[in-house]
């Protein structure tokens, strides 16, 4: 997925934000750190206005997922909680919320947000739950949970969790 590009006009110059880096629009040079801090504030305000205008749940989930992928965890959580306020049983949104909470260092909260849906037939949900259990060092539970995910379908993320479990607790696979 190609990163979105945002143009911000600040103090008489145009700057491009790629969701990971800032560049001055005409020279394509990276601005100094002091200017980047000011640009980060400007883009946060612009994004908040843009995010507040989103009302469609799939778009909220998609935008939150992209924000999480770009390391914008607070923004991702803000968007995904808005989606869940409209559709509390949306499993795709629960997966994004869980992954965001894990990235922010809250694996217990990530599990808590998905506990009510642990019986769902949704591979990505079981995978994110297994990853949170790995974060907590609960290897046997993680193995059971990733087994549920793999019984439904498999993808790269689920195999990454399996490898993580095997590396930390190889005795579980003998």
Foldseek 3Di string as FASTA:
>chain_A
DFFDWDWDQDPNFIWIDRLAAIAGVPPRHGDDPVVVVVVVVVVVVVVVVVLVPDDDLVVLLVVLQVNVVSVNLVSSLVSLVSSCVVPVPPQSSLLSNLSSCVSVPNLVVNCVSCVVPLVPQALSSLLSNLVSCVSVVVLVVSVVSLVSSVVNPDDPSSVVSVVSSCVSPVVVVD
